[in-house]
Amino acid sequence: MNREEWVQAFCEQIGVDPPSAEEMEALLNLAATAAHDSERPAAPLACWAAGRSGRSAAELGEIAARINPPS
């Protein structure tokens, strides 16, 4: 089972629509930013908070990028 199939099945089980390809890419970028700018466990925690925020994945990625901008 690949990641898209797994996410599809998970979303079906919890009663939500799966992310679009664009949303999936933005969420993976958010997770990467959190993991690389902090510690790896920040990635799933940031994605959990993102899901509760009601904001778009693109907006959340922009917010995350401002927290610890590259020097």
Protein backbone atom coordinates (compact mmCIF):
# COMPACT_ATOMS: atom_id res chain seq x y z
CA MET A 1 0.00 0.00 0.00
CA ASN A 2 1.48 3.37 -0.97
CA ARG A 3 1.07 6.58 1.02
CA GLU A 4 -1.86 7.86 -1.08
CA GLU A 5 -3.75 4.59 -0.63
CA TRP A 6 -3.03 4.58 3.10
CA VAL A 7 -4.15 8.20 3.52
CA GLN A 8 -7.30 7.48 1.47
CA ALA A 9 -8.17 4.50 3.68
CA PHE A 10 -7.42 6.46 6.88
CA CYS A 11 -9.57 9.39 5.74
CA GLU A 12 -12.43 7.04 4.90
CA GLN A 13 -12.20 5.48 8.36
CA ILE A 14 -12.28 8.86 10.15
CA GLY A 15 -14.93 10.38 7.88
CA VAL A 16 -13.00 13.18 6.19
CA ASP A 17 -12.09 13.90 2.59
CA PRO A 18 -8.49 13.05 1.74
CA PRO A 19 -6.15 15.93 0.92
CA SER A 20 -5.83 16.99 -2.69
CA ALA A 21 -2.46 16.54 -4.37
CA GLU A 22 -1.71 20.22 -3.70
CA GLU A 23 -2.75 19.93 -0.05
CA MET A 24 -0.70 16.77 0.39
CA GLU A 25 2.38 18.51 -1.01
CA ALA A 26 1.83 21.55 1.22
CA LEU A 27 1.38 19.37 4.31
CA LEU A 28 4.50 17.37 3.53
CA ASN A 29 6.39 20.65 3.13
CA LEU A 30 4.99 21.85 6.47
CA ALA A 31 6.16 18.62 8.12
CA ALA A 32 9.59 18.98 6.53
CA THR A 33 9.92 22.57 7.73
CA ALA A 34 8.93 21.62 11.27
CA ALA A 35 11.29 18.64 11.33
CA HIS A 36 14.28 20.48 9.88
CA ASP A 37 13.87 23.75 11.78
CA SER A 38 13.34 22.00 15.12
CA GLU A 39 13.32 18.33 16.03
CA ARG A 40 11.72 15.52 14.02
CA PRO A 41 8.81 15.05 16.48
CA ALA A 42 7.73 18.60 15.67
CA ALA A 43 6.49 17.42 12.24
CA PRO A 44 3.52 15.27 13.31
CA LEU A 45 2.68 17.71 16.09
CA ALA A 46 2.65 20.63 13.65
CA CYS A 47 0.42 18.66 11.30
CA TRP A 48 -1.95 17.83 14.15
CA ALA A 49 -2.18 21.53 15.04
CA ALA A 50 -2.61 22.37 11.35
CA GLY A 51 -5.60 20.06 11.12
CA ARG A 52 -7.26 21.75 14.06
CA SER A 53 -6.59 25.29 12.82
CA GLY A 54 -9.02 25.43 9.92
CA ARG A 55 -6.38 27.25 7.83
CA SER A 56 -5.24 26.16 4.39
CA ALA A 57 -2.14 24.02 4.10
CA ALA A 58 -0.49 26.71 1.97
CA GLU A 59 -1.11 29.39 4.62
CA LEU A 60 0.23 27.12 7.35
CA GLY A 61 3.39 26.50 5.33
CA GLU A 62 3.93 30.26 5.04
CA ILE A 63 3.47 30.68 8.79
CA ALA A 64 5.90 27.84 9.52
CA ALA A 65 8.51 29.34 7.20
CA ARG A 66 8.40 32.60 9.18
CA ILE A 67 9.13 30.95 12.52
CA ASN A 68 12.77 30.15 11.84
CA PRO A 69 13.71 31.79 8.53
CA PRO A 70 16.91 30.61 6.81
CA SER A 71 19.92 32.83 7.42
